[in-house]
Amino acid sequence: METNILKAFNNLTKIESFKLTEIYSGKNRINNVGNALEYFIRDIFCSSIDTISIDVKDKIHSDYLSYLGNQNNPPDFIVRNGDAVEVKKIGELVGSIALNSSYPKSKLHNDDVRILQSCRECDGGNWIEKDIIYAVGSVSKSKLKTLWFVYGNCYAADREVYEKTFKCISKKVHEIDHLEFTVKTNEIAGVRKIDPLGITYLRVRGMWGIDTPHKVFGSLTEFNRQSNFSAYILMLDKKYYSFSKKDRIIIESNSSIKIKSVEIKSPNNPANYLKAKLICFIK
């Protein structure tokens, strides 16, 4: 089964209620709002929002998605032979997103030490990199108010930018000569035998964060706080035209959707502007 962000966005426009506690109640009971948001994103990609049973949903998801992640390793899911998706729940639109130990990603790379082997092996394991979408939902009192889908290459710099900073800090920490460090770690450092008995250790972790899409790109929109719900996709022109003409026509012929041609600053060099598409749905 095939799906993509354009099909998911078209499905989104058909939904009447965005109150997650109503959608995922009864047999669909999901107590954690963050988990409910991830299920919601999966459902719109897989055209399963109206399916009642979680077990049946999961089976449908497996037809459309090649990988489902966990809370500790990105991404949250990968569309079969398609894009990776990382779901983030926020409260305030103009705050920040906690990315924890993973820096922002312009792409998902197969050799990333922070992804699991099962992720590397999905879709036959012969991929080098995948486009990644940050799906960021603003939730208030269990109601989804605003949803952004931002492609990583609109949002994050190349990975060398973040890895350079990470390695620089790690190197400086390892220069503290009276500490005993673990031999190998994906974190900044691991310190062993801190106490006289040699039984205490310290993990030195990087905790990354990034401004919300609305804070970065909100000026491009016609956002109205009085709206019941609003959703946006931001992608480069090249990505938009990589989708089939059939999928683009579905979006372009949907009277509920507005498509704007915009220019955004390059995440790698703000002196350069990139041509992009902002796709909007306001209910």
C-alpha atoms as a PDB file:
ATOM      1  CA  MET A   1       0.000   0.000   0.000  1.00  0.00           C
ATOM      2  CA  GLU A   2       1.285   3.468  -0.851  1.00  0.00           C
ATOM      3  CA  THR A   3       0.932   6.728   1.024  1.00  0.00           C
ATOM      4  CA  ASN A   4       2.701  10.056   1.394  1.00  0.00           C
ATOM      5  CA  ILE A   5       2.369  13.465   3.033  1.00  0.00           C
ATOM      6  CA  LEU A   6       0.021  14.805   0.335  1.00  0.00           C
ATOM      7  CA  LYS A   7      -2.413  11.918   0.775  1.00  0.00           C
ATOM      8  CA  ALA A   8      -2.189  12.329   4.550  1.00  0.00           C
ATOM      9  CA  PHE A   9      -2.958  16.046   4.308  1.00  0.00           C
ATOM     10  CA  ASN A  10      -5.932  15.391   2.055  1.00  0.00           C
ATOM     11  CA  ASN A  11      -7.236  12.889   4.641  1.00  0.00           C
ATOM     12  CA  LEU A  12      -6.751  15.529   7.344  1.00  0.00           C
ATOM     13  CA  THR A  13      -9.203  17.903   5.659  1.00  0.00           C
ATOM     14  CA  LYS A  14     -12.014  15.340   5.969  1.00  0.00           C
ATOM     15  CA  ILE A  15     -11.845  15.043   9.768  1.00  0.00           C
ATOM     16  CA  GLU A  16     -14.603  16.704  11.792  1.00  0.00           C
ATOM     17  CA  SER A  17     -13.197  16.573  15.334  1.00  0.00           C
ATOM     18  CA  PHE A  18      -9.610  17.190  16.414  1.00  0.00           C
ATOM     19  CA  LYS A  19     -10.203  16.344  20.068  1.00  0.00           C
ATOM     20  CA  LEU A  20      -7.828  13.432  20.582  1.00  0.00           C
ATOM     21  CA  THR A  21      -9.697  12.107  23.624  1.00  0.00           C
ATOM     22  CA  GLU A  22     -12.838  11.722  21.483  1.00  0.00           C
ATOM     23  CA  ILE A  23     -11.057  10.019  18.587  1.00  0.00           C
ATOM     24  CA  TYR A  24      -9.181   7.610  20.823  1.00  0.00           C
ATOM     25  CA  SER A  25     -11.799   6.576  23.357  1.00  0.00           C
ATOM     26  CA  GLY A  26     -13.650   3.345  24.088  1.00  0.00           C
ATOM     27  CA  LYS A  27     -11.955   0.478  22.257  1.00  0.00           C
ATOM     28  CA  ASN A  28      -9.466   3.020  20.929  1.00  0.00           C
ATOM     29  CA  ARG A  29      -8.505   4.161  24.414  1.00  0.00           C
ATOM     30  CA  ILE A  30      -5.047   5.744  24.513  1.00  0.00           C
ATOM     31  CA  ASN A  31      -4.415   7.525  27.803  1.00  0.00           C
ATOM     32  CA  ASN A  32      -1.242   9.413  26.885  1.00  0.00           C
ATOM     33  CA  VAL A  33      -1.949  12.456  24.684  1.00  0.00           C
ATOM     34  CA  GLY A  34       1.507  12.258  23.108  1.00  0.00           C
ATOM     35  CA  ASN A  35       0.859   8.659  22.065  1.00  0.00           C
ATOM     36  CA  ALA A  36      -2.590   9.646  20.797  1.00  0.00           C
ATOM     37  CA  LEU A  37      -1.025  12.359  18.631  1.00  0.00           C
ATOM     38  CA  GLU A  38       1.399   9.857  17.108  1.00  0.00           C
ATOM     39  CA  TYR A  39      -1.489   7.463  16.410  1.00  0.00           C
ATOM     40  CA  PHE A  40      -3.415  10.336  14.851  1.00  0.00           C
ATOM     41  CA  ILE A  41      -0.516  11.149  12.504  1.00  0.00           C
ATOM     42  CA  ARG A  42      -0.163   7.483  11.588  1.00  0.00           C
ATOM     43  CA  ASP A  43      -3.919   7.231  10.983  1.00  0.00           C
ATOM     44  CA  ILE A  44      -4.039  10.104   8.510  1.00  0.00           C
ATOM     45  CA  PHE A  45      -1.107   8.626   6.588  1.00  0.00           C
ATOM     46  CA  CYS A  46      -2.787   5.222   6.549  1.00  0.00           C
ATOM     47  CA  SER A  47      -6.405   6.365   5.937  1.00  0.00           C
ATOM     48  CA  SER A  48      -7.438   4.579   9.148  1.00  0.00           C
ATOM     49  CA  ILE A  49      -8.789   7.430  11.283  1.00  0.00           C
ATOM     50  CA  ASP A  50     -12.308   5.934  11.249  1.00  0.00           C
ATOM     51  CA  THR A  51     -11.156   2.419  12.116  1.00  0.00           C
ATOM     52  CA  ILE A  52     -12.361   1.584  15.626  1.00  0.00           C
ATOM     53  CA  SER A  53     -10.144  -1.236  16.891  1.00  0.00           C
ATOM     54  CA  ILE A  54      -6.519  -0.484  17.798  1.00  0.00           C
ATOM     55  CA  ASP A  55      -5.578  -4.004  16.678  1.00  0.00           C
ATOM     56  CA  VAL A  56      -7.113  -3.400  13.261  1.00  0.00           C
ATOM     57  CA  LYS A  57      -5.446   0.014  13.070  1.00  0.00           C
ATOM     58  CA  ASP A  58      -2.079  -1.575  13.794  1.00  0.00           C
ATOM     59  CA  LYS A  59      -2.599  -4.099  10.991  1.00  0.00           C
ATOM     60  CA  ILE A  60      -3.502  -1.322   8.535  1.00  0.00           C
ATOM     61  CA  HIS A  61      -0.482   0.709   9.654  1.00  0.00           C
ATOM     62  CA  SER A  62       1.776  -2.264   8.920  1.00  0.00           C
ATOM     63  CA  ASP A  63       0.520  -2.229   5.318  1.00  0.00           C
ATOM     64  CA  TYR A  64       1.565   1.396   4.808  1.00  0.00           C
ATOM     65  CA  LEU A  65       4.536   1.803   7.155  1.00  0.00           C
ATOM     66  CA  SER A  66       7.836  -0.092   7.053  1.00  0.00           C
ATOM     67  CA  TYR A  67       9.117   0.923  10.481  1.00  0.00           C
ATOM     68  CA  LEU A  68       7.681   1.908  13.856  1.00  0.00           C
ATOM     69  CA  GLY A  69      10.145   3.366  16.344  1.00  0.00           C
ATOM     70  CA  ASN A  70      10.212   3.981  20.066  1.00  0.00           C
ATOM     71  CA  GLN A  71      10.549   6.939  22.415  1.00  0.00           C
ATOM     72  CA  ASN A  72      14.338   6.683  22.667  1.00  0.00           C
ATOM     73  CA  ASN A  73      15.367   6.360  19.024  1.00  0.00           C
ATOM     74  CA  PRO A  74      14.221   8.426  16.045  1.00  0.00           C
ATOM     75  CA  PRO A  75      12.189   8.367  13.892  1.00  0.00           C
ATOM     76  CA  ASP A  76       8.686   7.539  15.138  1.00  0.00           C
ATOM     77  CA  PHE A  77       7.780   5.837  11.862  1.00  0.00           C
ATOM     78  CA  ILE A  78       8.816   5.463   8.242  1.00  0.00           C
ATOM     79  CA  VAL A  79       6.404   5.400   5.322  1.00  0.00           C
ATOM     80  CA  ARG A  80       7.002   2.256   3.255  1.00  0.00           C
ATOM     81  CA  ASN A  81       9.638   3.195   0.645  1.00  0.00           C
ATOM     82  CA  GLY A  82       9.089   6.820   1.617  1.00  0.00           C
ATOM     83  CA  ASP A  83       9.740   9.520   4.185  1.00  0.00           C
ATOM     84  CA  ALA A  84      10.618   9.249   7.857  1.00  0.00           C
ATOM     85  CA  VAL A  85       8.352  11.030  10.349  1.00  0.00           C
ATOM     86  CA  GLU A  86       9.219  12.350  13.812  1.00  0.00           C
ATOM     87  CA  VAL A  87       6.172  13.372  15.904  1.00  0.00           C
ATOM     88  CA  LYS A  88       6.434  16.051  18.586  1.00  0.00           C
ATOM     89  CA  LYS A  89       3.698  17.331  20.915  1.00  0.00           C
ATOM     90  CA  ILE A  90       3.946  20.913  22.174  1.00  0.00           C
ATOM     91  CA  GLY A  91       1.783  23.251  24.234  1.00  0.00           C
ATOM     92  CA  GLU A  92       2.797  26.741  23.163  1.00  0.00           C
ATOM     93  CA  LEU A  93       3.107  27.502  19.461  1.00  0.00           C
ATOM     94  CA  VAL A  94       6.117  29.780  19.843  1.00  0.00           C
ATOM     95  CA  GLY A  95       8.081  27.843  22.431  1.00  0.00           C
ATOM     96  CA  SER A  96      10.670  25.184  21.750  1.00  0.00           C
ATOM     97  CA  ILE A  97      10.765  21.445  21.071  1.00  0.00           C
ATOM     98  CA  ALA A  98      12.834  19.095  23.202  1.00  0.00           C
ATOM     99  CA  LEU A  99      14.747  16.760  20.896  1.00  0.00           C
ATOM    100  CA  ASN A 100      16.632  15.131  23.788  1.00  0.00           C
ATOM    101  CA  SER A 101      19.830  13.372  22.678  1.00  0.00           C
ATOM    102  CA  SER A 102      19.194  13.675  18.924  1.00  0.00           C
ATOM    103  CA  TYR A 103      20.158  16.873  17.158  1.00  0.00           C
ATOM    104  CA  PRO A 104      17.840  18.298  14.460  1.00  0.00           C
ATOM    105  CA  LYS A 105      18.002  16.329  11.224  1.00  0.00           C
ATOM    106  CA  SER A 106      17.871  17.640   7.681  1.00  0.00           C
ATOM    107  CA  LYS A 107      17.780  14.011   6.512  1.00  0.00           C
ATOM    108  CA  LEU A 108      17.657  10.615   8.185  1.00  0.00           C
ATOM    109  CA  HIS A 109      20.933   8.810   7.428  1.00  0.00           C
ATOM    110  CA  ASN A 110      21.298   5.043   7.467  1.00  0.00           C
ATOM    111  CA  ASP A 111      24.659   5.291   9.271  1.00  0.00           C
ATOM    112  CA  ASP A 112      23.294   7.448  12.125  1.00  0.00           C
ATOM    113  CA  VAL A 113      24.479   5.816  15.380  1.00  0.00           C
ATOM    114  CA  ARG A 114      21.267   6.953  17.119  1.00  0.00           C
ATOM    115  CA  ILE A 115      18.902   4.833  15.023  1.00  0.00           C
ATOM    116  CA  LEU A 116      18.279   1.146  15.620  1.00  0.00           C
ATOM    117  CA  GLN A 117      19.425  -1.695  13.370  1.00  0.00           C
ATOM    118  CA  SER A 118      15.781  -2.521  12.653  1.00  0.00           C
ATOM    119  CA  CYS A 119      15.405   1.002  11.256  1.00  0.00           C
ATOM    120  CA  ARG A 120      18.468   0.575   9.038  1.00  0.00           C
ATOM    121  CA  GLU A 121      17.059  -2.672   7.688  1.00  0.00           C
ATOM    122  CA  CYS A 122      13.572  -1.378   6.807  1.00  0.00           C
ATOM    123  CA  ASP A 123      12.650  -1.057   3.120  1.00  0.00           C
ATOM    124  CA  GLY A 124      15.205  -3.721   2.295  1.00  0.00           C
ATOM    125  CA  GLY A 125      18.019  -1.894   4.061  1.00  0.00           C
ATOM    126  CA  ASN A 126      19.391  -0.512   0.794  1.00  0.00           C
ATOM    127  CA  TRP A 127      18.669   3.158   1.497  1.00  0.00           C
ATOM    128  CA  ILE A 128      21.377   5.702   2.304  1.00  0.00           C
ATOM    129  CA  GLU A 129      19.231   8.606   3.421  1.00  0.00           C
ATOM    130  CA  LYS A 130      15.558   9.475   3.696  1.00  0.00           C
ATOM    131  CA  ASP A 131      13.714  12.768   3.807  1.00  0.00           C
ATOM    132  CA  ILE A 132      12.419  13.401   7.307  1.00  0.00           C
ATOM    133  CA  ILE A 133       9.259  15.242   8.333  1.00  0.00           C
ATOM    134  CA  TYR A 134       8.853  16.901  11.715  1.00  0.00           C
ATOM    135  CA  ALA A 135       5.158  16.573  12.583  1.00  0.00           C
ATOM    136  CA  VAL A 136       4.627  19.083  15.391  1.00  0.00           C
ATOM    137  CA  GLY A 137       1.221  19.284  17.030  1.00  0.00           C
ATOM    138  CA  SER A 138       0.081  21.966  19.456  1.00  0.00           C
ATOM    139  CA  VAL A 139      -2.361  20.347  21.890  1.00  0.00           C
ATOM    140  CA  SER A 140      -4.514  22.182  24.445  1.00  0.00           C
ATOM    141  CA  LYS A 141      -6.818  20.254  26.798  1.00  0.00           C
ATOM    142  CA  SER A 142      -6.462  17.151  24.608  1.00  0.00           C
ATOM    143  CA  LYS A 143      -7.555  19.094  21.510  1.00  0.00           C
ATOM    144  CA  LEU A 144      -5.207  19.371  18.561  1.00  0.00           C
ATOM    145  CA  LYS A 145      -5.181  23.049  17.610  1.00  0.00           C
ATOM    146  CA  THR A 146      -2.309  23.423  15.153  1.00  0.00           C
ATOM    147  CA  LEU A 147      -0.293  20.876  13.206  1.00  0.00           C
ATOM    148  CA  TRP A 148       2.900  21.539  11.278  1.00  0.00           C
ATOM    149  CA  PHE A 149       4.606  19.139   8.879  1.00  0.00           C
ATOM    150  CA  VAL A 150       8.064  20.549   8.147  1.00  0.00           C
ATOM    151  CA  TYR A 151      10.655  18.765   6.065  1.00  0.00           C
ATOM    152  CA  GLY A 152      14.014  18.602   7.788  1.00  0.00           C
ATOM    153  CA  ASN A 153      15.923  20.283   4.954  1.00  0.00           C
ATOM    154  CA  CYS A 154      13.729  23.382   5.430  1.00  0.00           C
ATOM    155  CA  TYR A 155      14.339  23.381   9.173  1.00  0.00           C
ATOM    156  CA  ALA A 156      17.729  21.943  10.108  1.00  0.00           C
ATOM    157  CA  ALA A 157      21.289  22.414   8.900  1.00  0.00           C
ATOM    158  CA  ASP A 158      23.400  19.566   7.534  1.00  0.00           C
ATOM    159  CA  ARG A 159      24.442  17.088  10.207  1.00  0.00           C
ATOM    160  CA  GLU A 160      28.103  18.206  10.079  1.00  0.00           C
ATOM    161  CA  VAL A 161      27.054  21.476  11.762  1.00  0.00           C
ATOM    162  CA  TYR A 162      25.698  19.700  14.852  1.00  0.00           C
ATOM    163  CA  GLU A 163      28.302  16.946  14.964  1.00  0.00           C
ATOM    164  CA  LYS A 164      31.119  19.509  14.917  1.00  0.00           C
ATOM    165  CA  THR A 165      29.732  21.162  18.065  1.00  0.00           C
ATOM    166  CA  PHE A 166      29.075  17.805  19.722  1.00  0.00           C
ATOM    167  CA  LYS A 167      32.613  16.540  19.045  1.00  0.00           C
ATOM    168  CA  CYS A 168      34.190  19.816  20.160  1.00  0.00           C
ATOM    169  CA  ILE A 169      32.417  19.693  23.545  1.00  0.00           C
ATOM    170  CA  SER A 170      33.179  15.984  23.933  1.00  0.00           C
ATOM    171  CA  LYS A 171      36.860  16.573  23.223  1.00  0.00           C
ATOM    172  CA  LYS A 172      37.084  19.322  25.849  1.00  0.00           C
ATOM    173  CA  VAL A 173      35.395  17.129  28.468  1.00  0.00           C
ATOM    174  CA  HIS A 174      37.823  14.279  27.747  1.00  0.00           C
ATOM    175  CA  GLU A 175      40.748  16.627  28.351  1.00  0.00           C
ATOM    176  CA  ILE A 176      39.978  16.626  32.102  1.00  0.00           C
ATOM    177  CA  ASP A 177      42.915  14.426  33.051  1.00  0.00           C
ATOM    178  CA  HIS A 178      41.926  13.233  36.527  1.00  0.00           C
ATOM    179  CA  LEU A 179      38.745  11.489  35.335  1.00  0.00           C
ATOM    180  CA  GLU A 180      38.406   7.939  34.031  1.00  0.00           C
ATOM    181  CA  PHE A 181      36.204   7.757  30.952  1.00  0.00           C
ATOM    182  CA  THR A 182      34.320   4.880  29.390  1.00  0.00           C
ATOM    183  CA  VAL A 183      35.903   3.579  26.225  1.00  0.00           C
ATOM    184  CA  LYS A 184      32.938   4.086  23.880  1.00  0.00           C
ATOM    185  CA  THR A 185      29.708   6.061  24.106  1.00  0.00           C
ATOM    186  CA  ASN A 186      27.299   7.872  21.777  1.00  0.00           C
ATOM    187  CA  GLU A 187      26.928  10.560  24.449  1.00  0.00           C
ATOM    188  CA  ILE A 188      29.306  13.447  25.151  1.00  0.00           C
ATOM    189  CA  ALA A 189      31.166  11.359  27.715  1.00  0.00           C
ATOM    190  CA  GLY A 190      30.848   8.626  30.305  1.00  0.00           C
ATOM    191  CA  VAL A 191      32.839   8.994  33.515  1.00  0.00           C
ATOM    192  CA  ARG A 192      33.665   5.876  35.557  1.00  0.00           C
ATOM    193  CA  LYS A 193      34.704   5.313  39.188  1.00  0.00           C
ATOM    194  CA  ILE A 194      33.828   8.758  40.505  1.00  0.00           C
ATOM    195  CA  ASP A 195      33.696   7.749  44.171  1.00  0.00           C
ATOM    196  CA  PRO A 196      36.403   6.092  46.324  1.00  0.00           C
ATOM    197  CA  LEU A 197      34.733   2.668  45.974  1.00  0.00           C
ATOM    198  CA  GLY A 198      34.669   3.029  42.216  1.00  0.00           C
ATOM    199  CA  ILE A 199      30.977   2.164  41.979  1.00  0.00           C
ATOM    200  CA  THR A 200      29.530   5.455  40.718  1.00  0.00           C
ATOM    201  CA  TYR A 201      29.479   6.632  37.109  1.00  0.00           C
ATOM    202  CA  LEU A 202      28.270   9.741  35.298  1.00  0.00           C
ATOM    203  CA  ARG A 203      26.659  10.018  31.852  1.00  0.00           C
ATOM    204  CA  VAL A 204      27.283  13.368  30.177  1.00  0.00           C
ATOM    205  CA  ARG A 205      24.481  13.806  27.659  1.00  0.00           C
ATOM    206  CA  GLY A 206      23.622  16.424  25.098  1.00  0.00           C
ATOM    207  CA  MET A 207      20.019  17.644  25.353  1.00  0.00           C
ATOM    208  CA  TRP A 208      19.074  19.297  22.079  1.00  0.00           C
ATOM    209  CA  GLY A 209      16.153  21.622  21.417  1.00  0.00           C
ATOM    210  CA  ILE A 210      14.865  23.708  18.522  1.00  0.00           C
ATOM    211  CA  ASP A 211      12.369  26.554  18.079  1.00  0.00           C
ATOM    212  CA  THR A 212       8.900  25.392  17.004  1.00  0.00           C
ATOM    213  CA  PRO A 213       7.997  25.553  13.297  1.00  0.00           C
ATOM    214  CA  HIS A 214       5.402  28.213  14.086  1.00  0.00           C
ATOM    215  CA  LYS A 215       8.031  30.422  15.705  1.00  0.00           C
ATOM    216  CA  VAL A 216      10.338  30.001  12.705  1.00  0.00           C
ATOM    217  CA  PHE A 217       7.824  30.017   9.838  1.00  0.00           C
ATOM    218  CA  GLY A 218       4.609  31.436  11.313  1.00  0.00           C
ATOM    219  CA  SER A 219       5.100  34.775   9.516  1.00  0.00           C
ATOM    220  CA  LEU A 220       4.547  32.954   6.208  1.00  0.00           C
ATOM    221  CA  THR A 221       1.050  31.899   7.229  1.00  0.00           C
ATOM    222  CA  GLU A 222      -2.311  33.578   7.654  1.00  0.00           C
ATOM    223  CA  PHE A 223      -2.653  32.090  11.108  1.00  0.00           C
ATOM    224  CA  ASN A 224      -5.697  33.080  13.163  1.00  0.00           C
ATOM    225  CA  ARG A 225      -5.886  32.089  16.831  1.00  0.00           C
ATOM    226  CA  GLN A 226      -9.677  32.030  16.581  1.00  0.00           C
ATOM    227  CA  SER A 227      -9.575  29.153  14.085  1.00  0.00           C
ATOM    228  CA  ASN A 228     -10.796  25.795  15.300  1.00  0.00           C
ATOM    229  CA  PHE A 229      -7.835  24.035  13.701  1.00  0.00           C
ATOM    230  CA  SER A 230      -5.010  24.851  11.300  1.00  0.00           C
ATOM    231  CA  ALA A 231      -2.428  22.684   9.570  1.00  0.00           C
ATOM    232  CA  TYR A 232       0.566  23.405   7.367  1.00  0.00           C
ATOM    233  CA  ILE A 233       3.128  21.557   5.270  1.00  0.00           C
ATOM    234  CA  LEU A 234       6.431  23.204   4.380  1.00  0.00           C
ATOM    235  CA  MET A 235       8.607  21.546   1.755  1.00  0.00           C
ATOM    236  CA  LEU A 236      11.044  22.637  -0.913  1.00  0.00           C
ATOM    237  CA  ASP A 237       9.729  22.994  -4.471  1.00  0.00           C
ATOM    238  CA  LYS A 238      11.926  20.099  -5.603  1.00  0.00           C
ATOM    239  CA  LYS A 239      10.243  17.808  -3.088  1.00  0.00           C
ATOM    240  CA  TYR A 240       6.745  18.971  -4.006  1.00  0.00           C
ATOM    241  CA  TYR A 241       7.271  18.236  -7.695  1.00  0.00           C
ATOM    242  CA  SER A 242       8.760  14.816  -6.896  1.00  0.00           C
ATOM    243  CA  PHE A 243       5.264  13.600  -5.980  1.00  0.00           C
ATOM    244  CA  SER A 244       3.122  12.153  -8.742  1.00  0.00           C
ATOM    245  CA  LYS A 245       0.948  14.515 -10.733  1.00  0.00           C
ATOM    246  CA  LYS A 246      -2.077  12.533  -9.532  1.00  0.00           C
ATOM    247  CA  ASP A 247      -1.263  13.225  -5.877  1.00  0.00           C
ATOM    248  CA  ARG A 248      -0.578  16.898  -6.580  1.00  0.00           C
ATOM    249  CA  ILE A 249      -3.886  17.272  -8.416  1.00  0.00           C
ATOM    250  CA  ILE A 250      -5.763  15.822  -5.410  1.00  0.00           C
ATOM    251  CA  ILE A 251      -4.257  18.527  -3.203  1.00  0.00           C
ATOM    252  CA  GLU A 252      -4.558  21.329  -5.743  1.00  0.00           C
ATOM    253  CA  SER A 253      -8.228  20.554  -6.445  1.00  0.00           C
ATOM    254  CA  ASN A 254      -9.204  20.433  -2.758  1.00  0.00           C
ATOM    255  CA  SER A 255     -11.032  23.708  -2.108  1.00  0.00           C
ATOM    256  CA  SER A 256     -10.169  23.519   1.596  1.00  0.00           C
ATOM    257  CA  ILE A 257      -6.444  23.666   0.866  1.00  0.00           C
ATOM    258  CA  LYS A 258      -4.379  26.690  -0.115  1.00  0.00           C
ATOM    259  CA  ILE A 259      -0.919  26.361  -1.642  1.00  0.00           C
ATOM    260  CA  LYS A 260       1.516  29.255  -1.459  1.00  0.00           C
ATOM    261  CA  SER A 261       4.887  29.631  -3.160  1.00  0.00           C
ATOM    262  CA  VAL A 262       7.283  31.050  -0.567  1.00  0.00           C
ATOM    263  CA  GLU A 263      10.979  31.652  -0.066  1.00  0.00           C
ATOM    264  CA  ILE A 264      12.752  30.529   3.102  1.00  0.00           C
ATOM    265  CA  LYS A 265      16.270  31.070   4.390  1.00  0.00           C
ATOM    266  CA  SER A 266      18.631  28.182   3.820  1.00  0.00           C
ATOM    267  CA  PRO A 267      19.337  26.415   7.150  1.00  0.00           C
ATOM    268  CA  ASN A 268      22.984  26.149   6.041  1.00  0.00           C
ATOM    269  CA  ASN A 269      23.427  29.724   4.806  1.00  0.00           C
ATOM    270  CA  PRO A 270      20.790  32.365   5.656  1.00  0.00           C
ATOM    271  CA  ALA A 271      22.176  34.577   2.871  1.00  0.00           C
ATOM    272  CA  ASN A 272      20.588  32.161   0.412  1.00  0.00           C
ATOM    273  CA  TYR A 273      16.843  31.764  -0.066  1.00  0.00           C
ATOM    274  CA  LEU A 274      15.185  28.522  -1.098  1.00  0.00           C
ATOM    275  CA  LYS A 275      11.973  28.185  -3.097  1.00  0.00           C
ATOM    276  CA  ALA A 276       9.378  26.238  -1.151  1.00  0.00           C
ATOM    277  CA  LYS A 277       5.686  25.348  -0.979  1.00  0.00           C
ATOM    278  CA  LEU A 278       3.545  26.169   2.057  1.00  0.00           C
ATOM    279  CA  ILE A 279       0.359  24.075   2.021  1.00  0.00           C
ATOM    280  CA  CYS A 280      -2.360  25.336   4.369  1.00  0.00           C
ATOM    281  CA  PHE A 281      -5.620  24.024   5.772  1.00  0.00           C
ATOM    282  CA  ILE A 282      -7.637  26.189   8.174  1.00  0.00           C
ATOM    283  CA  LYS A 283     -10.916  24.959   9.613  1.00  0.00           C
END
